N, C-alpha and C. Protein backbone atom coordinates (compact mmCIF):
# COMPACT_ATOMS: atom_id res chain seq x y z
N MET A 1 -1.12 6.16 -27.40
CA MET A 1 -1.72 6.11 -25.63
C MET A 1 -2.75 5.46 -25.81
N LYS A 2 -2.86 4.14 -25.06
CA LYS A 2 -3.90 3.37 -24.81
C LYS A 2 -4.85 3.80 -23.98
N LEU A 3 -6.05 3.46 -24.48
CA LEU A 3 -7.47 3.39 -23.50
C LEU A 3 -7.43 3.48 -22.19
N PHE A 4 -6.75 2.48 -21.74
CA PHE A 4 -6.60 1.20 -20.51
C PHE A 4 -5.49 1.38 -20.05
N GLU A 5 -4.20 2.42 -20.45
CA GLU A 5 -3.00 2.43 -20.23
C GLU A 5 -2.63 2.50 -18.30
N THR A 6 -2.38 1.29 -17.72
CA THR A 6 -1.74 1.65 -16.20
C THR A 6 -1.16 2.72 -15.91
N ASN A 7 -2.04 3.30 -15.02
CA ASN A 7 -1.10 4.53 -14.20
C ASN A 7 -1.43 4.67 -12.66
N GLN A 8 -1.74 3.67 -11.80
CA GLN A 8 -1.79 3.35 -10.72
C GLN A 8 -1.13 2.44 -10.39
N ASN A 9 -0.38 2.57 -9.05
CA ASN A 9 0.67 1.11 -8.45
C ASN A 9 -0.39 0.51 -7.83
N LYS A 10 0.31 -0.47 -7.77
CA LYS A 10 -0.56 -1.76 -7.00
C LYS A 10 -0.99 -1.27 -5.46
N ALA A 11 -0.62 -0.45 -4.68
CA ALA A 11 -0.79 -0.23 -3.04
C ALA A 11 -2.12 0.73 -3.29
N GLU A 12 -1.97 1.68 -4.50
CA GLU A 12 -3.14 2.52 -4.89
C GLU A 12 -4.46 1.56 -5.15
N ARG A 13 -3.97 0.85 -5.78
CA ARG A 13 -5.33 0.25 -6.42
C ARG A 13 -5.98 -0.61 -5.26
N VAL A 14 -5.05 -1.31 -4.39
CA VAL A 14 -6.06 -2.06 -3.54
C VAL A 14 -6.43 -1.16 -2.24
N ALA A 15 -5.74 -0.09 -2.16
CA ALA A 15 -6.74 1.14 -1.47
C ALA A 15 -8.41 1.62 -1.75
N ARG A 16 -7.93 1.81 -3.37
CA ARG A 16 -9.11 2.08 -3.82
C ARG A 16 -10.46 1.13 -3.62
N PHE A 17 -9.81 -0.19 -4.01
CA PHE A 17 -10.91 -1.21 -3.71
C PHE A 17 -11.45 -1.20 -2.63
N MET A 18 -10.70 -1.14 -1.34
CA MET A 18 -11.24 -1.18 -0.37
C MET A 18 -11.87 -0.09 0.18
N VAL A 19 -11.87 0.84 -0.06
CA VAL A 19 -12.61 2.00 0.07
C VAL A 19 -13.98 1.86 -0.56
N SER A 20 -13.94 1.22 -2.05
CA SER A 20 -15.12 0.80 -2.72
C SER A 20 -16.09 0.14 -2.31
N LEU A 21 -15.20 -0.88 -1.50
CA LEU A 21 -16.47 -1.99 -0.84
C LEU A 21 -17.22 -1.42 0.99
N PHE A 22 -16.70 -0.22 1.11
CA PHE A 22 -17.28 0.13 2.15
C PHE A 22 -18.83 1.51 1.76
N LEU A 23 -18.26 1.76 0.16
CA LEU A 23 -19.20 2.94 -0.52
C LEU A 23 -20.06 2.39 -1.08
N ILE A 24 -19.77 1.33 -1.96
CA ILE A 24 -20.96 0.36 -2.88
C ILE A 24 -22.15 0.39 -1.98
N PRO A 25 -21.77 -0.34 -0.87
CA PRO A 25 -23.41 -0.77 -0.38
C PRO A 25 -24.00 0.37 0.68
N ALA A 26 -23.63 1.51 0.38
CA ALA A 26 -24.28 2.69 0.86
C ALA A 26 -25.90 2.90 1.31
N PRO A 27 -26.54 2.52 -0.17
CA PRO A 27 -27.76 2.76 0.02
C PRO A 27 -28.80 1.50 1.36
N LEU A 28 -27.88 0.58 1.34
CA LEU A 28 -28.30 -0.40 1.95
C LEU A 28 -28.00 -0.02 3.42
N ILE A 29 -27.05 0.31 4.00
CA ILE A 29 -26.20 0.50 5.00
C ILE A 29 -27.51 1.79 5.19
N ILE A 30 -27.40 2.70 4.69
CA ILE A 30 -28.20 4.26 5.10
C ILE A 30 -29.63 3.87 5.78
N CYS A 31 -29.77 2.96 4.71
CA CYS A 31 -31.57 2.29 4.66
C CYS A 31 -32.34 3.51 3.85
N SER A 32 -32.04 3.84 3.20
CA SER A 32 -32.79 5.05 2.15
C SER A 32 -31.91 5.05 1.03
N CYS A 33 -32.73 5.75 0.06
CA CYS A 33 -32.37 6.06 -1.31
C CYS A 33 -32.13 7.26 -1.69
N SER A 34 -31.48 8.07 -0.70
CA SER A 34 -31.01 9.60 -0.56
C SER A 34 -30.23 9.66 -1.81
N ILE A 35 -30.41 11.21 -1.86
CA ILE A 35 -29.17 11.48 -3.15
C ILE A 35 -27.91 11.46 -2.46
N TYR A 36 -27.82 11.76 -1.31
CA TYR A 36 -26.19 11.18 -0.61
C TYR A 36 -25.81 9.62 -0.60
N ALA A 37 -26.76 9.12 -0.43
CA ALA A 37 -26.25 7.29 -0.32
C ALA A 37 -25.93 7.13 -1.96
N ILE A 38 -26.88 7.44 -2.86
CA ILE A 38 -26.71 6.98 -4.16
C ILE A 38 -25.34 8.06 -4.86
N ILE A 39 -24.98 8.98 -4.12
CA ILE A 39 -23.38 9.89 -4.30
C ILE A 39 -22.17 9.21 -4.06
N LEU A 40 -22.83 8.33 -2.78
CA LEU A 40 -21.39 7.32 -2.36
C LEU A 40 -21.59 6.22 -2.96
N CYS A 41 -22.58 5.53 -3.48
CA CYS A 41 -22.31 4.33 -4.42
C CYS A 41 -21.72 4.39 -5.80
N VAL A 42 -22.23 5.65 -6.11
CA VAL A 42 -21.54 6.02 -7.51
C VAL A 42 -19.98 6.21 -7.54
N VAL A 43 -19.77 6.87 -6.39
CA VAL A 43 -18.44 7.17 -6.50
C VAL A 43 -17.18 5.81 -5.60
N GLY A 44 -18.19 4.91 -5.26
CA GLY A 44 -17.88 3.82 -4.98
C GLY A 44 -17.49 2.55 -6.34
N ALA A 45 -18.58 3.28 -6.94
CA ALA A 45 -18.78 2.23 -8.81
C ALA A 45 -17.21 2.69 -8.92
N ILE A 46 -16.90 4.09 -9.09
CA ILE A 46 -16.24 4.69 -9.93
C ILE A 46 -14.42 4.09 -9.35
N LEU A 47 -14.51 4.02 -8.13
CA LEU A 47 -13.22 3.71 -7.32
C LEU A 47 -12.82 2.18 -7.71
N LEU A 48 -14.32 1.45 -7.72
CA LEU A 48 -13.74 0.08 -8.31
C LEU A 48 -13.74 0.09 -9.37
N PHE A 49 -13.84 0.46 -10.24
CA PHE A 49 -13.70 0.63 -11.91
C PHE A 49 -11.99 1.06 -11.82
N ASN A 50 -11.65 1.98 -11.27
CA ASN A 50 -9.90 2.39 -10.87
C ASN A 50 -9.58 1.27 -10.84
N ALA A 51 -9.76 1.01 -9.50
CA ALA A 51 -9.23 -0.44 -8.64
C ALA A 51 -9.09 -1.63 -9.64
N LEU A 52 -9.55 -2.54 -10.63
CA LEU A 52 -10.12 -2.93 -11.32
C LEU A 52 -8.88 -3.19 -12.74
N VAL A 53 -8.84 -1.75 -13.13
CA VAL A 53 -8.62 -1.55 -14.51
C VAL A 53 -7.41 -1.22 -14.37
N GLY A 54 -7.08 -0.53 -13.33
CA GLY A 54 -5.67 0.15 -12.93
C GLY A 54 -5.34 1.87 -13.57
N THR A 55 -6.81 1.95 -14.27
CA THR A 55 -6.39 3.71 -14.63
C THR A 55 -7.56 4.48 -14.10
N CYS A 56 -6.96 5.42 -13.88
CA CYS A 56 -7.53 6.94 -13.25
C CYS A 56 -7.50 8.04 -14.62
N TYR A 57 -8.51 7.77 -14.74
CA TYR A 57 -8.75 9.32 -15.87
C TYR A 57 -7.98 10.65 -15.31
N ILE A 58 -8.81 10.74 -14.21
CA ILE A 58 -8.50 12.56 -13.65
C ILE A 58 -6.73 12.33 -13.30
N TYR A 59 -5.97 11.33 -13.25
CA TYR A 59 -4.40 11.30 -13.33
C TYR A 59 -4.27 11.06 -14.76
N ARG A 60 -4.58 11.04 -15.78
CA ARG A 60 -4.66 11.10 -17.21
C ARG A 60 -4.22 12.34 -17.40
N PHE A 61 -5.52 13.15 -17.19
CA PHE A 61 -5.89 14.43 -17.72
C PHE A 61 -5.06 15.32 -17.16
N PHE A 62 -4.28 15.02 -15.54
CA PHE A 62 -3.20 15.88 -15.33
C PHE A 62 -1.64 15.26 -15.68
N GLY A 63 -1.41 14.23 -15.87
CA GLY A 63 -0.46 13.27 -16.41
C GLY A 63 0.32 12.79 -15.40
N ILE A 64 -0.36 12.25 -14.58
CA ILE A 64 0.24 11.83 -13.33
C ILE A 64 0.12 10.29 -13.18
N ASN A 65 1.33 9.60 -13.14
CA ASN A 65 1.71 8.29 -13.28
C ASN A 65 2.20 7.65 -12.09
N THR A 66 1.60 6.98 -11.10
CA THR A 66 2.24 6.22 -10.19
C THR A 66 2.49 4.89 -10.23
N CYS A 67 2.45 4.36 -10.90
CA CYS A 67 3.11 3.16 -11.61
C CYS A 67 4.52 2.86 -11.89
N TYR A 68 5.25 2.64 -11.72
CA TYR A 68 6.59 2.92 -11.82
C TYR A 68 7.27 1.83 -12.41
N LEU A 69 6.38 0.68 -13.09
CA LEU A 69 6.70 -0.47 -14.12
C LEU A 69 6.71 0.09 -15.34
N LYS A 70 7.55 0.12 -15.83
CA LYS A 70 7.57 0.36 -17.66
C LYS A 70 6.89 -0.55 -18.41
N ASN A 71 6.20 0.30 -19.32
CA ASN A 71 5.56 -0.39 -19.98
C ASN A 71 5.98 -0.29 -21.77
N ASN A 72 6.22 -1.84 -21.79
CA ASN A 72 6.74 -2.13 -22.97
C ASN A 72 5.75 -2.11 -24.39
């Protein structure tokens, strides 16, 4: 088992990337550095990491794999 083994399909990665683009600038949009804005920014950063790498560690923990490509 590799550390960054892909377990997300392309559509899911694109969706996570698009959601992260709205969540990361939350402190600038909300105009404050409240806990809520920081949590939104952190969740956006996690989604961006998942989208770029293609690995979701929560999926790995539960044994879910939405990538239908065979890894050789």
